[in-house]
């Protein structure tokens, strides 16, 4: 049973990281900033995701 739960949590985690990478790619940040965010998310996923949620590109008010 542990393998199934671990696999499901891994899949959820992968979906969250992919969502964050897509949000970075769609942001209005510069190309270098996008590259750095994506590398951070890929190589240090937990810290990268926390930093992205706290400091990452914000959507403009017009989009809301």
C-alpha atoms as a PDB file:
ATOM      1  CA  UNK A   1       0.000   0.000   0.000  1.00  0.00           C
ATOM      2  CA  UNK A   2       2.913   2.372   0.646  1.00  0.00           C
ATOM      3  CA  UNK A   3       4.042   2.214  -2.963  1.00  0.00           C
ATOM      4  CA  UNK A   4       0.649   3.321  -4.272  1.00  0.00           C
ATOM      5  CA  UNK A   5       0.419   6.253  -1.856  1.00  0.00           C
ATOM      6  CA  UNK A   6       4.004   7.287  -2.612  1.00  0.00           C
ATOM      7  CA  UNK A   7       3.331   7.057  -6.327  1.00  0.00           C
ATOM      8  CA  UNK A   8       0.187   9.161  -6.021  1.00  0.00           C
ATOM      9  CA  UNK A   9       1.966  11.811  -3.956  1.00  0.00           C
ATOM     10  CA  UNK A  10       4.817  11.824  -6.459  1.00  0.00           C
ATOM     11  CA  UNK A  11       2.364  12.360  -9.297  1.00  0.00           C
ATOM     12  CA  UNK A  12       0.693  15.226  -7.431  1.00  0.00           C
ATOM     13  CA  UNK A  13       4.108  16.775  -6.731  1.00  0.00           C
ATOM     14  CA  UNK A  14       5.062  16.461 -10.417  1.00  0.00           C
ATOM     15  CA  UNK A  15       1.814  18.187 -11.445  1.00  0.00           C
ATOM     16  CA  UNK A  16       2.514  21.064  -9.034  1.00  0.00           C
ATOM     17  CA  UNK A  17       6.057  21.534 -10.373  1.00  0.00           C
ATOM     18  CA  UNK A  18       4.814  21.449 -13.986  1.00  0.00           C
ATOM     19  CA  UNK A  19       2.121  24.009 -13.095  1.00  0.00           C
ATOM     20  CA  UNK A  20       4.786  26.308 -11.589  1.00  0.00           C
ATOM     21  CA  UNK A  21       7.026  25.962 -14.661  1.00  0.00           C
ATOM     22  CA  UNK A  22       4.105  26.833 -16.952  1.00  0.00           C
ATOM     23  CA  UNK A  23       3.276  29.888 -14.813  1.00  0.00           C
ATOM     24  CA  UNK A  24       6.903  31.036 -15.024  1.00  0.00           C
ATOM     25  CA  UNK A  25       6.970  30.541 -18.801  1.00  0.00           C
ATOM     26  CA  UNK A  26       3.752  32.584 -19.206  1.00  0.00           C
ATOM     27  CA  UNK A  27       4.917  35.417 -16.948  1.00  0.00           C
ATOM     28  CA  UNK A  28       6.105  38.776 -18.204  1.00  0.00           C
ATOM     29  CA  UNK A  29       9.528  38.342 -16.568  1.00  0.00           C
ATOM     30  CA  UNK A  30      12.701  38.636 -18.633  1.00  0.00           C
ATOM     31  CA  UNK A  31      14.110  35.598 -20.396  1.00  0.00           C
ATOM     32  CA  UNK A  32      16.981  35.250 -17.930  1.00  0.00           C
ATOM     33  CA  UNK A  33      14.644  35.449 -14.932  1.00  0.00           C
ATOM     34  CA  UNK A  34      12.404  32.782 -16.456  1.00  0.00           C
ATOM     35  CA  UNK A  35      15.397  30.529 -17.083  1.00  0.00           C
ATOM     36  CA  UNK A  36      16.655  30.931 -13.517  1.00  0.00           C
ATOM     37  CA  UNK A  37      13.220  30.206 -12.020  1.00  0.00           C
ATOM     38  CA  UNK A  38      12.778  27.101 -14.173  1.00  0.00           C
ATOM     39  CA  UNK A  39      16.259  25.807 -13.298  1.00  0.00           C
ATOM     40  CA  UNK A  40      15.574  26.412  -9.619  1.00  0.00           C
ATOM     41  CA  UNK A  41      12.271  24.522  -9.859  1.00  0.00           C
ATOM     42  CA  UNK A  42      13.907  21.603 -11.669  1.00  0.00           C
ATOM     43  CA  UNK A  43      17.060  21.187  -9.585  1.00  0.00           C
ATOM     44  CA  UNK A  44      15.800  22.175  -6.113  1.00  0.00           C
ATOM     45  CA  UNK A  45      12.063  21.518  -6.377  1.00  0.00           C
ATOM     46  CA  UNK A  46      10.942  21.975  -2.768  1.00  0.00           C
ATOM     47  CA  UNK A  47      12.899  25.153  -2.070  1.00  0.00           C
ATOM     48  CA  UNK A  48      12.254  26.397  -5.606  1.00  0.00           C
ATOM     49  CA  UNK A  49       8.502  25.956  -5.261  1.00  0.00           C
ATOM     50  CA  UNK A  50       8.403  27.701  -1.894  1.00  0.00           C
ATOM     51  CA  UNK A  51      10.458  30.612  -3.244  1.00  0.00           C
ATOM     52  CA  UNK A  52       8.313  30.760  -6.378  1.00  0.00           C
ATOM     53  CA  UNK A  53       5.112  30.969  -4.346  1.00  0.00           C
ATOM     54  CA  UNK A  54       6.569  33.672  -2.084  1.00  0.00           C
ATOM     55  CA  UNK A  55       8.693  35.725  -4.498  1.00  0.00           C
ATOM     56  CA  UNK A  56       7.771  34.639  -8.002  1.00  0.00           C
ATOM     57  CA  UNK A  57       6.230  36.690 -10.770  1.00  0.00           C
ATOM     58  CA  UNK A  58       2.832  38.100  -9.852  1.00  0.00           C
ATOM     59  CA  UNK A  59      -0.059  38.269 -12.305  1.00  0.00           C
ATOM     60  CA  UNK A  60      -1.073  41.722 -13.350  1.00  0.00           C
ATOM     61  CA  UNK A  61      -4.274  43.173 -11.873  1.00  0.00           C
ATOM     62  CA  UNK A  62      -5.773  43.461 -15.368  1.00  0.00           C
ATOM     63  CA  UNK A  63      -5.678  39.645 -15.712  1.00  0.00           C
ATOM     64  CA  UNK A  64      -7.694  39.243 -12.520  1.00  0.00           C
END
